[in-house]
Amino acid sequence: MDNEQIIGFYQLLEKELIERTDLSPWISCVFIDENRRGERLIEQLLLHGRITAGNLGFDKVYLTTDHIHLYEKFGFREIGIDRFVWGRPTKIYEHHTIKSSIFK
């Protein structure tokens, strides 16, 4: 938030809408306002997601994307390719979570 305006968000989901169902949780729907891109705000959202998932007891967190080389900058590692339930292919990335009291 900035001056009561939403400038970015993400969701932490138990399941993603892909064929593979054995992975959880998922960072999904990551968004940064176009006017605020380039400020490394996505890094803060991803960190928050990793900490939240870690504090919930998970060792890893996952995401799907077709943005090549974006999430790798923040330590995410590609682990495979899958398909959304409607058929479009997507890459799957993972990262270790963080257990912390920062966002409790």
PDB file of N, CA and C in Angstrom:
ATOM      1  N   MET A   1       0.849  -1.182   0.000  1.00  0.00           N
ATOM      2  CA  MET A   1       0.000   0.000   0.000  1.00  0.00           C
ATOM      3  C   MET A   1       0.890   1.239   0.000  1.00  0.00           C
ATOM      4  N   ASP A   2       0.410   2.252  -0.664  1.00  0.00           N
ATOM      5  CA  ASP A   2       1.072   3.544  -0.657  1.00  0.00           C
ATOM      6  C   ASP A   2      -0.021   4.606  -0.708  1.00  0.00           C
ATOM      7  N   ASN A   3      -0.128   5.402   0.338  1.00  0.00           N
ATOM      8  CA  ASN A   3      -1.188   6.408   0.425  1.00  0.00           C
ATOM      9  C   ASN A   3      -2.557   5.809   0.150  1.00  0.00           C
ATOM     10  N   GLU A   4      -2.844   4.696   0.792  1.00  0.00           N
ATOM     11  CA  GLU A   4      -4.116   3.994   0.683  1.00  0.00           C
ATOM     12  C   GLU A   4      -4.401   3.466  -0.722  1.00  0.00           C
ATOM     13  N   GLN A   5      -3.379   3.371  -1.561  1.00  0.00           N
ATOM     14  CA  GLN A   5      -3.501   2.792  -2.895  1.00  0.00           C
ATOM     15  C   GLN A   5      -2.790   1.445  -2.917  1.00  0.00           C
ATOM     16  N   ILE A   6      -3.437   0.444  -3.501  1.00  0.00           N
ATOM     17  CA  ILE A   6      -2.792  -0.852  -3.655  1.00  0.00           C
ATOM     18  C   ILE A   6      -1.784  -0.738  -4.797  1.00  0.00           C
ATOM     19  N   ILE A   7      -0.515  -1.028  -4.484  1.00  0.00           N
ATOM     20  CA  ILE A   7       0.523  -0.956  -5.520  1.00  0.00           C
ATOM     21  C   ILE A   7       1.069  -2.339  -5.860  1.00  0.00           C
ATOM     22  N   GLY A   8       0.684  -3.331  -5.078  1.00  0.00           N
ATOM     23  CA  GLY A   8       1.122  -4.685  -5.376  1.00  0.00           C
ATOM     24  C   GLY A   8       0.412  -5.687  -4.484  1.00  0.00           C
ATOM     25  N   PHE A   9       0.353  -6.930  -4.977  1.00  0.00           N
ATOM     26  CA  PHE A   9      -0.253  -7.990  -4.179  1.00  0.00           C
ATOM     27  C   PHE A   9       0.184  -9.347  -4.711  1.00  0.00           C
ATOM     28  N   TYR A  10      -0.085 -10.362  -3.907  1.00  0.00           N
ATOM     29  CA  TYR A  10       0.080 -11.749  -4.316  1.00  0.00           C
ATOM     30  C   TYR A  10      -0.904 -12.571  -3.506  1.00  0.00           C
ATOM     31  N   GLN A  11      -1.083 -13.822  -3.902  1.00  0.00           N
ATOM     32  CA  GLN A  11      -1.894 -14.749  -3.130  1.00  0.00           C
ATOM     33  C   GLN A  11      -1.016 -15.925  -2.728  1.00  0.00           C
ATOM     34  N   LEU A  12      -1.259 -16.473  -1.566  1.00  0.00           N
ATOM     35  CA  LEU A  12      -0.627 -17.712  -1.137  1.00  0.00           C
ATOM     36  C   LEU A  12      -1.729 -18.761  -1.119  1.00  0.00           C
ATOM     37  N   LEU A  13      -1.634 -19.722  -2.048  1.00  0.00           N
ATOM     38  CA  LEU A  13      -2.694 -20.702  -2.259  1.00  0.00           C
ATOM     39  C   LEU A  13      -2.255 -22.106  -1.880  1.00  0.00           C
ATOM     40  N   GLU A  14      -3.211 -22.908  -1.444  1.00  0.00           N
ATOM     41  CA  GLU A  14      -2.925 -24.316  -1.182  1.00  0.00           C
ATOM     42  C   GLU A  14      -2.725 -25.072  -2.493  1.00  0.00           C
ATOM     43  N   LYS A  15      -3.544 -24.786  -3.496  1.00  0.00           N
ATOM     44  CA  LYS A  15      -3.488 -25.475  -4.790  1.00  0.00           C
ATOM     45  C   LYS A  15      -3.442 -24.455  -5.919  1.00  0.00           C
ATOM     46  N   GLU A  16      -2.723 -24.807  -6.968  1.00  0.00           N
ATOM     47  CA  GLU A  16      -2.698 -23.999  -8.196  1.00  0.00           C
ATOM     48  C   GLU A  16      -3.531 -24.745  -9.235  1.00  0.00           C
ATOM     49  N   LEU A  17      -4.024 -24.039 -10.222  1.00  0.00           N
ATOM     50  CA  LEU A  17      -4.885 -24.650 -11.234  1.00  0.00           C
ATOM     51  C   LEU A  17      -4.067 -25.325 -12.340  1.00  0.00           C
ATOM     52  N   ILE A  18      -3.195 -26.249 -11.922  1.00  0.00           N
ATOM     53  CA  ILE A  18      -2.399 -27.020 -12.869  1.00  0.00           C
ATOM     54  C   ILE A  18      -2.709 -28.497 -12.662  1.00  0.00           C
ATOM     55  N   GLU A  19      -2.250 -29.320 -13.606  1.00  0.00           N
ATOM     56  CA  GLU A  19      -2.522 -30.752 -13.517  1.00  0.00           C
ATOM     57  C   GLU A  19      -1.822 -31.392 -12.323  1.00  0.00           C
ATOM     58  N   ARG A  20      -0.635 -30.943 -12.008  1.00  0.00           N
ATOM     59  CA  ARG A  20       0.122 -31.509 -10.903  1.00  0.00           C
ATOM     60  C   ARG A  20      -0.502 -31.052  -9.581  1.00  0.00           C
ATOM     61  N   THR A  21      -0.754 -32.000  -8.680  1.00  0.00           N
ATOM     62  CA  THR A  21      -1.448 -31.667  -7.426  1.00  0.00           C
ATOM     63  C   THR A  21      -0.638 -32.003  -6.178  1.00  0.00           C
ATOM     64  N   ASP A  22       0.610 -32.434  -6.335  1.00  0.00           N
ATOM     65  CA  ASP A  22       1.395 -32.875  -5.179  1.00  0.00           C
ATOM     66  C   ASP A  22       2.216 -31.767  -4.534  1.00  0.00           C
ATOM     67  N   LEU A  23       2.190 -30.560  -5.066  1.00  0.00           N
ATOM     68  CA  LEU A  23       2.996 -29.463  -4.534  1.00  0.00           C
ATOM     69  C   LEU A  23       2.113 -28.435  -3.835  1.00  0.00           C
ATOM     70  N   SER A  24       2.641 -27.856  -2.754  1.00  0.00           N
ATOM     71  CA  SER A  24       1.902 -26.838  -2.014  1.00  0.00           C
ATOM     72  C   SER A  24       2.852 -26.210  -1.001  1.00  0.00           C
ATOM     73  N   PRO A  25       2.663 -24.932  -0.714  1.00  0.00           N
ATOM     74  CA  PRO A  25       1.728 -23.928  -1.203  1.00  0.00           C
ATOM     75  C   PRO A  25       2.295 -23.191  -2.423  1.00  0.00           C
ATOM     76  N   TRP A  26       1.461 -22.350  -2.989  1.00  0.00           N
ATOM     77  CA  TRP A  26       1.786 -21.620  -4.213  1.00  0.00           C
ATOM     78  C   TRP A  26       1.710 -20.113  -4.002  1.00  0.00           C
ATOM     79  N   ILE A  27       2.722 -19.406  -4.464  1.00  0.00           N
ATOM     80  CA  ILE A  27       2.629 -17.949  -4.602  1.00  0.00           C
ATOM     81  C   ILE A  27       1.997 -17.720  -5.959  1.00  0.00           C
ATOM     82  N   SER A  28       0.907 -16.980  -5.992  1.00  0.00           N
ATOM     83  CA  SER A  28       0.134 -16.830  -7.224  1.00  0.00           C
ATOM     84  C   SER A  28      -0.308 -15.384  -7.404  1.00  0.00           C
ATOM     85  N   CYS A  29      -0.632 -15.053  -8.633  1.00  0.00           N
ATOM     86  CA  CYS A  29      -1.205 -13.739  -8.981  1.00  0.00           C
ATOM     87  C   CYS A  29      -0.339 -12.580  -8.471  1.00  0.00           C
ATOM     88  N   VAL A  30       0.962 -12.669  -8.687  1.00  0.00           N
ATOM     89  CA  VAL A  30       1.869 -11.597  -8.261  1.00  0.00           C
ATOM     90  C   VAL A  30       1.654 -10.402  -9.191  1.00  0.00           C
ATOM     91  N   PHE A  31       1.433  -9.238  -8.599  1.00  0.00           N
ATOM     92  CA  PHE A  31       1.171  -8.038  -9.396  1.00  0.00           C
ATOM     93  C   PHE A  31       1.812  -6.829  -8.738  1.00  0.00           C
ATOM     94  N   ILE A  32       2.454  -6.012  -9.570  1.00  0.00           N
ATOM     95  CA  ILE A  32       2.980  -4.706  -9.155  1.00  0.00           C
ATOM     96  C   ILE A  32       2.413  -3.674 -10.124  1.00  0.00           C
ATOM     97  N   ASP A  33       1.871  -2.583  -9.596  1.00  0.00           N
ATOM     98  CA  ASP A  33       1.341  -1.504 -10.431  1.00  0.00           C
ATOM     99  C   ASP A  33       2.388  -1.076 -11.456  1.00  0.00           C
ATOM    100  N   GLU A  34       1.963  -0.880 -12.693  1.00  0.00           N
ATOM    101  CA  GLU A  34       2.888  -0.511 -13.773  1.00  0.00           C
ATOM    102  C   GLU A  34       3.748   0.696 -13.428  1.00  0.00           C
ATOM    103  N   ASN A  35       3.175   1.667 -12.741  1.00  0.00           N
ATOM    104  CA  ASN A  35       3.916   2.885 -12.397  1.00  0.00           C
ATOM    105  C   ASN A  35       4.958   2.663 -11.315  1.00  0.00           C
ATOM    106  N   ARG A  36       4.921   1.504 -10.645  1.00  0.00           N
ATOM    107  CA  ARG A  36       5.852   1.232  -9.548  1.00  0.00           C
ATOM    108  C   ARG A  36       6.833   0.105  -9.870  1.00  0.00           C
ATOM    109  N   ARG A  37       6.753  -0.422 -11.077  1.00  0.00           N
ATOM    110  CA  ARG A  37       7.673  -1.494 -11.472  1.00  0.00           C
ATOM    111  C   ARG A  37       9.087  -0.938 -11.571  1.00  0.00           C
ATOM    112  N   GLY A  38      10.047  -1.780 -11.279  1.00  0.00           N
ATOM    113  CA  GLY A  38      11.439  -1.362 -11.281  1.00  0.00           C
ATOM    114  C   GLY A  38      11.931  -0.919  -9.913  1.00  0.00           C
ATOM    115  N   GLU A  39      11.057  -0.913  -8.930  1.00  0.00           N
ATOM    116  CA  GLU A  39      11.420  -0.504  -7.571  1.00  0.00           C
ATOM    117  C   GLU A  39      11.734  -1.699  -6.674  1.00  0.00           C
ATOM    118  N   ARG A  40      11.815  -2.873  -7.255  1.00  0.00           N
ATOM    119  CA  ARG A  40      12.099  -4.136  -6.550  1.00  0.00           C
ATOM    120  C   ARG A  40      11.034  -4.472  -5.502  1.00  0.00           C
ATOM    121  N   LEU A  41       9.815  -3.992  -5.724  1.00  0.00           N
ATOM    122  CA  LEU A  41       8.719  -4.312  -4.810  1.00  0.00           C
ATOM    123  C   LEU A  41       8.348  -5.783  -4.887  1.00  0.00           C
ATOM    124  N   ILE A  42       8.528  -6.393  -6.051  1.00  0.00           N
ATOM    125  CA  ILE A  42       8.228  -7.817  -6.189  1.00  0.00           C
ATOM    126  C   ILE A  42       9.090  -8.636  -5.233  1.00  0.00           C
ATOM    127  N   GLU A  43      10.303  -8.188  -5.002  1.00  0.00           N
ATOM    128  CA  GLU A  43      11.197  -8.882  -4.075  1.00  0.00           C
ATOM    129  C   GLU A  43      10.583  -8.920  -2.671  1.00  0.00           C
ATOM    130  N   GLN A  44       9.968  -7.816  -2.261  1.00  0.00           N
ATOM    131  CA  GLN A  44       9.339  -7.756  -0.947  1.00  0.00           C
ATOM    132  C   GLN A  44       8.130  -8.693  -0.867  1.00  0.00           C
ATOM    133  N   LEU A  45       7.337  -8.750  -1.936  1.00  0.00           N
ATOM    134  CA  LEU A  45       6.182  -9.645  -1.945  1.00  0.00           C
ATOM    135  C   LEU A  45       6.623 -11.104  -1.879  1.00  0.00           C
ATOM    136  N   LEU A  46       7.635 -11.469  -2.664  1.00  0.00           N
ATOM    137  CA  LEU A  46       8.121 -12.851  -2.665  1.00  0.00           C
ATOM    138  C   LEU A  46       8.705 -13.224  -1.309  1.00  0.00           C
ATOM    139  N   LEU A  47       9.423 -12.302  -0.695  1.00  0.00           N
ATOM    140  CA  LEU A  47       9.969 -12.543   0.642  1.00  0.00           C
ATOM    141  C   LEU A  47       8.840 -12.763   1.645  1.00  0.00           C
ATOM    142  N   HIS A  48       7.831 -11.933   1.587  1.00  0.00           N
ATOM    143  CA  HIS A  48       6.679 -12.080   2.475  1.00  0.00           C
ATOM    144  C   HIS A  48       6.022 -13.446   2.276  1.00  0.00           C
ATOM    145  N   GLY A  49       5.852 -13.860   1.026  1.00  0.00           N
ATOM    146  CA  GLY A  49       5.262 -15.164   0.741  1.00  0.00           C
ATOM    147  C   GLY A  49       6.091 -16.314   1.272  1.00  0.00           C
ATOM    148  N   ARG A  50       7.405 -16.223   1.128  1.00  0.00           N
ATOM    149  CA  ARG A  50       8.297 -17.272   1.631  1.00  0.00           C
ATOM    150  C   ARG A  50       8.265 -17.343   3.154  1.00  0.00           C
ATOM    151  N   ILE A  51       8.219 -16.198   3.800  1.00  0.00           N
ATOM    152  CA  ILE A  51       8.165 -16.169   5.264  1.00  0.00           C
ATOM    153  C   ILE A  51       6.811 -16.688   5.756  1.00  0.00           C
ATOM    154  N   THR A  52       5.737 -16.254   5.131  1.00  0.00           N
ATOM    155  CA  THR A  52       4.408 -16.713   5.541  1.00  0.00           C
ATOM    156  C   THR A  52       4.298 -18.227   5.389  1.00  0.00           C
ATOM    157  N   ALA A  53       4.739 -18.765   4.267  1.00  0.00           N
ATOM    158  CA  ALA A  53       4.695 -20.217   4.045  1.00  0.00           C
ATOM    159  C   ALA A  53       5.581 -20.945   5.059  1.00  0.00           C
ATOM    160  N   GLY A  54       6.756 -20.394   5.345  1.00  0.00           N
ATOM    161  CA  GLY A  54       7.645 -21.002   6.335  1.00  0.00           C
ATOM    162  C   GLY A  54       7.033 -21.022   7.714  1.00  0.00           C
ATOM    163  N   ASN A  55       6.404 -19.920   8.097  1.00  0.00           N
ATOM    164  CA  ASN A  55       5.763 -19.850   9.411  1.00  0.00           C
ATOM    165  C   ASN A  55       4.553 -20.775   9.514  1.00  0.00           C
ATOM    166  N   LEU A  56       4.004 -21.178   8.370  1.00  0.00           N
ATOM    167  CA  LEU A  56       2.904 -22.140   8.352  1.00  0.00           C
ATOM    168  C   LEU A  56       3.416 -23.584   8.368  1.00  0.00           C
ATOM    169  N   GLY A  57       4.754 -23.746   8.358  1.00  0.00           N
ATOM    170  CA  GLY A  57       5.334 -25.075   8.473  1.00  0.00           C
ATOM    171  C   GLY A  57       5.808 -25.710   7.183  1.00  0.00           C
ATOM    172  N   PHE A  58       5.763 -24.974   6.071  1.00  0.00           N
ATOM    173  CA  PHE A  58       6.206 -25.518   4.792  1.00  0.00           C
ATOM    174  C   PHE A  58       7.705 -25.284   4.603  1.00  0.00           C
ATOM    175  N   ASP A  59       8.367 -26.220   3.927  1.00  0.00           N
ATOM    176  CA  ASP A  59       9.794 -26.091   3.627  1.00  0.00           C
ATOM    177  C   ASP A  59      10.054 -25.405   2.291  1.00  0.00           C
ATOM    178  N   LYS A  60       9.122 -25.538   1.362  1.00  0.00           N
ATOM    179  CA  LYS A  60       9.269 -24.936   0.036  1.00  0.00           C
ATOM    180  C   LYS A  60       7.973 -24.258  -0.360  1.00  0.00           C
ATOM    181  N   VAL A  61       8.107 -23.316  -1.292  1.00  0.00           N
ATOM    182  CA  VAL A  61       6.961 -22.641  -1.878  1.00  0.00           C
ATOM    183  C   VAL A  61       7.150 -22.683  -3.391  1.00  0.00           C
ATOM    184  N   TYR A  62       6.040 -22.692  -4.128  1.00  0.00           N
ATOM    185  CA  TYR A  62       6.080 -22.884  -5.574  1.00  0.00           C
ATOM    186  C   TYR A  62       5.362 -21.742  -6.278  1.00  0.00           C
ATOM    187  N   LEU A  63       5.681 -21.572  -7.564  1.00  0.00           N
ATOM    188  CA  LEU A  63       4.936 -20.643  -8.400  1.00  0.00           C
ATOM    189  C   LEU A  63       4.994 -21.115  -9.838  1.00  0.00           C
ATOM    190  N   THR A  64       4.006 -20.691 -10.611  1.00  0.00           N
ATOM    191  CA  THR A  64       3.982 -20.962 -12.043  1.00  0.00           C
ATOM    192  C   THR A  64       4.127 -19.634 -12.765  1.00  0.00           C
ATOM    193  N   THR A  65       4.805 -19.672 -13.910  1.00  0.00           N
ATOM    194  CA  THR A  65       5.000 -18.425 -14.652  1.00  0.00           C
ATOM    195  C   THR A  65       5.468 -18.696 -16.065  1.00  0.00           C
ATOM    196  N   ASP A  66       5.270 -17.720 -16.918  1.00  0.00           N
ATOM    197  CA  ASP A  66       5.885 -17.731 -18.237  1.00  0.00           C
ATOM    198  C   ASP A  66       6.844 -16.541 -18.376  1.00  0.00           C
ATOM    199  N   HIS A  67       7.130 -15.876 -17.260  1.00  0.00           N
ATOM    200  CA  HIS A  67       8.092 -14.773 -17.237  1.00  0.00           C
ATOM    201  C   HIS A  67       9.495 -15.346 -17.048  1.00  0.00           C
ATOM    202  N   ILE A  68      10.181 -15.535 -18.149  1.00  0.00           N
ATOM    203  CA  ILE A  68      11.512 -16.131 -18.122  1.00  0.00           C
ATOM    204  C   ILE A  68      12.502 -15.140 -17.496  1.00  0.00           C
ATOM    205  N   HIS A  69      13.340 -15.621 -16.609  1.00  0.00           N
ATOM    206  CA  HIS A  69      14.423 -14.873 -15.957  1.00  0.00           C
ATOM    207  C   HIS A  69      13.963 -13.855 -14.917  1.00  0.00           C
ATOM    208  N   LEU A  70      12.685 -13.781 -14.623  1.00  0.00           N
ATOM    209  CA  LEU A  70      12.247 -12.846 -13.580  1.00  0.00           C
ATOM    210  C   LEU A  70      12.444 -13.455 -12.195  1.00  0.00           C
ATOM    211  N   TYR A  71      11.859 -14.595 -11.950  1.00  0.00           N
ATOM    212  CA  TYR A  71      11.888 -15.173 -10.607  1.00  0.00           C
ATOM    213  C   TYR A  71      13.244 -15.775 -10.263  1.00  0.00           C
ATOM    214  N   GLU A  72      14.024 -16.135 -11.267  1.00  0.00           N
ATOM    215  CA  GLU A  72      15.381 -16.627 -11.003  1.00  0.00           C
ATOM    216  C   GLU A  72      16.222 -15.563 -10.298  1.00  0.00           C
ATOM    217  N   LYS A  73      15.968 -14.298 -10.592  1.00  0.00           N
ATOM    218  CA  LYS A  73      16.702 -13.202  -9.945  1.00  0.00           C
ATOM    219  C   LYS A  73      16.516 -13.200  -8.435  1.00  0.00           C
ATOM    220  N   PHE A  74      15.417 -13.815  -7.984  1.00  0.00           N
ATOM    221  CA  PHE A  74      15.090 -13.823  -6.564  1.00  0.00           C
ATOM    222  C   PHE A  74      15.283 -15.208  -5.947  1.00  0.00           C
ATOM    223  N   GLY A  75      16.043 -16.058  -6.645  1.00  0.00           N
ATOM    224  CA  GLY A  75      16.420 -17.356  -6.099  1.00  0.00           C
ATOM    225  C   GLY A  75      15.494 -18.506  -6.419  1.00  0.00           C
ATOM    226  N   PHE A  76      14.430 -18.277  -7.167  1.00  0.00           N
ATOM    227  CA  PHE A  76      13.552 -19.369  -7.546  1.00  0.00           C
ATOM    228  C   PHE A  76      14.235 -20.212  -8.615  1.00  0.00           C
ATOM    229  N   ARG A  77      13.988 -21.525  -8.551  1.00  0.00           N
ATOM    230  CA  ARG A  77      14.634 -22.476  -9.447  1.00  0.00           C
ATOM    231  C   ARG A  77      13.553 -23.249 -10.197  1.00  0.00           C
ATOM    232  N   GLU A  78      13.709 -23.324 -11.520  1.00  0.00           N
ATOM    233  CA  GLU A  78      12.755 -24.080 -12.330  1.00  0.00           C
ATOM    234  C   GLU A  78      12.885 -25.566 -12.024  1.00  0.00           C
ATOM    235  N   ILE A  79      11.736 -26.218 -11.785  1.00  0.00           N
ATOM    236  CA  ILE A  79      11.761 -27.654 -11.501  1.00  0.00           C
ATOM    237  C   ILE A  79      10.972 -28.469 -12.510  1.00  0.00           C
ATOM    238  N   GLY A  80      10.319 -27.821 -13.457  1.00  0.00           N
ATOM    239  CA  GLY A  80       9.580 -28.589 -14.454  1.00  0.00           C
ATOM    240  C   GLY A  80       8.578 -27.754 -15.212  1.00  0.00           C
ATOM    241  N   ILE A  81       7.890 -28.440 -16.094  1.00  0.00           N
ATOM    242  CA  ILE A  81       6.835 -27.820 -16.901  1.00  0.00           C
ATOM    243  C   ILE A  81       5.568 -28.623 -16.678  1.00  0.00           C
ATOM    244  N   ASP A  82       4.448 -27.942 -16.600  1.00  0.00           N
ATOM    245  CA  ASP A  82       3.153 -28.595 -16.429  1.00  0.00           C
ATOM    246  C   ASP A  82       2.150 -27.852 -17.308  1.00  0.00           C
ATOM    247  N   ARG A  83       0.898 -28.201 -17.150  1.00  0.00           N
ATOM    248  CA  ARG A  83      -0.184 -27.539 -17.888  1.00  0.00           C
ATOM    249  C   ARG A  83      -1.240 -27.066 -16.902  1.00  0.00           C
ATOM    250  N   PHE A  84      -1.767 -25.873 -17.191  1.00  0.00           N
ATOM    251  CA  PHE A  84      -2.937 -25.428 -16.450  1.00  0.00           C
ATOM    252  C   PHE A  84      -4.096 -26.339 -16.820  1.00  0.00           C
ATOM    253  N   VAL A  85      -5.115 -26.391 -15.997  1.00  0.00           N
ATOM    254  CA  VAL A  85      -6.244 -27.282 -16.249  1.00  0.00           C
ATOM    255  C   VAL A  85      -6.944 -26.959 -17.568  1.00  0.00           C
ATOM    256  N   TRP A  86      -6.769 -25.760 -18.108  1.00  0.00           N
ATOM    257  CA  TRP A  86      -7.369 -25.392 -19.394  1.00  0.00           C
ATOM    258  C   TRP A  86      -6.412 -25.666 -20.561  1.00  0.00           C
ATOM    259  N   GLY A  87      -5.207 -26.236 -20.273  1.00  0.00           N
ATOM    260  CA  GLY A  87      -4.344 -26.719 -21.342  1.00  0.00           C
ATOM    261  C   GLY A  87      -3.089 -25.928 -21.639  1.00  0.00           C
ATOM    262  N   ARG A  88      -2.987 -24.687 -21.200  1.00  0.00           N
ATOM    263  CA  ARG A  88      -1.797 -23.874 -21.498  1.00  0.00           C
ATOM    264  C   ARG A  88      -0.609 -24.352 -20.672  1.00  0.00           C
ATOM    265  N   PRO A  89       0.562 -24.527 -21.317  1.00  0.00           N
ATOM    266  CA  PRO A  89       1.743 -24.948 -20.550  1.00  0.00           C
ATOM    267  C   PRO A  89       2.275 -23.822 -19.666  1.00  0.00           C
ATOM    268  N   THR A  90       2.966 -24.216 -18.606  1.00  0.00           N
ATOM    269  CA  THR A  90       3.566 -23.253 -17.693  1.00  0.00           C
ATOM    270  C   THR A  90       4.782 -23.873 -17.022  1.00  0.00           C
ATOM    271  N   LYS A  91       5.717 -23.049 -16.651  1.00  0.00           N
ATOM    272  CA  LYS A  91       6.877 -23.508 -15.906  1.00  0.00           C
ATOM    273  C   LYS A  91       6.556 -23.492 -14.412  1.00  0.00           C
ATOM    274  N   ILE A  92       7.148 -24.437 -13.688  1.00  0.00           N
ATOM    275  CA  ILE A  92       7.005 -24.493 -12.233  1.00  0.00           C
ATOM    276  C   ILE A  92       8.352 -24.154 -11.614  1.00  0.00           C
ATOM    277  N   TYR A  93       8.312 -23.256 -10.625  1.00  0.00           N
ATOM    278  CA  TYR A  93       9.508 -22.845  -9.893  1.00  0.00           C
ATOM    279  C   TYR A  93       9.312 -23.144  -8.406  1.00  0.00           C
ATOM    280  N   GLU A  94      10.427 -23.332  -7.700  1.00  0.00           N
ATOM    281  CA  GLU A  94      10.374 -23.529  -6.258  1.00  0.00           C
ATOM    282  C   GLU A  94      11.444 -22.691  -5.574  1.00  0.00           C
ATOM    283  N   HIS A  95      11.220 -22.454  -4.291  1.00  0.00           N
ATOM    284  CA  HIS A  95      12.204 -21.770  -3.454  1.00  0.00           C
ATOM    285  C   HIS A  95      11.999 -22.267  -2.029  1.00  0.00           C
ATOM    286  N   HIS A  96      13.060 -22.258  -1.238  1.00  0.00           N
ATOM    287  CA  HIS A  96      12.942 -22.604   0.167  1.00  0.00           C
ATOM    288  C   HIS A  96      12.203 -21.487   0.892  1.00  0.00           C
ATOM    289  N   THR A  97      11.446 -21.889   1.892  1.00  0.00           N
ATOM    290  CA  THR A  97      10.737 -20.904   2.703  1.00  0.00           C
ATOM    291  C   THR A  97      11.687 -20.396   3.798  1.00  0.00           C
ATOM    292  N   ILE A  98      11.199 -19.425   4.540  1.00  0.00           N
ATOM    293  CA  ILE A  98      11.972 -18.822   5.625  1.00  0.00           C
ATOM    294  C   ILE A  98      11.072 -18.823   6.852  1.00  0.00           C
ATOM    295  N   LYS A  99      11.606 -19.295   7.953  1.00  0.00           N
ATOM    296  CA  LYS A  99      10.865 -19.205   9.217  1.00  0.00           C
ATOM    297  C   LYS A  99      11.374 -17.972   9.945  1.00  0.00           C
ATOM    298  N   SER A 100      10.461 -17.026  10.222  1.00  0.00           N
ATOM    299  CA  SER A 100      10.850 -15.747  10.796  1.00  0.00           C
ATOM    300  C   SER A 100       9.681 -15.139  11.543  1.00  0.00           C
ATOM    301  N   SER A 101       9.993 -14.261  12.454  1.00  0.00           N
ATOM    302  CA  SER A 101       8.938 -13.542  13.175  1.00  0.00           C
ATOM    303  C   SER A 101       8.679 -12.176  12.562  1.00  0.00           C
ATOM    304  N   ILE A 102       9.297 -11.863  11.442  1.00  0.00           N
ATOM    305  CA  ILE A 102       9.146 -10.529  10.837  1.00  0.00           C
ATOM    306  C   ILE A 102       7.686 -10.204  10.554  1.00  0.00           C
ATOM    307  N   PHE A 103       6.931 -11.158   9.986  1.00  0.00           N
ATOM    308  CA  PHE A 103       5.567 -10.873   9.562  1.00  0.00           C
ATOM    309  C   PHE A 103       4.532 -11.596  10.409  1.00  0.00           C
ATOM    310  N   LYS A 104       4.848 -11.929  11.634  1.00  0.00           N
ATOM    311  CA  LYS A 104       3.849 -12.602  12.489  1.00  0.00           C
ATOM    312  C   LYS A 104       2.871 -11.617  13.033  1.00  0.00           C
TER     313      LYS A 104
END
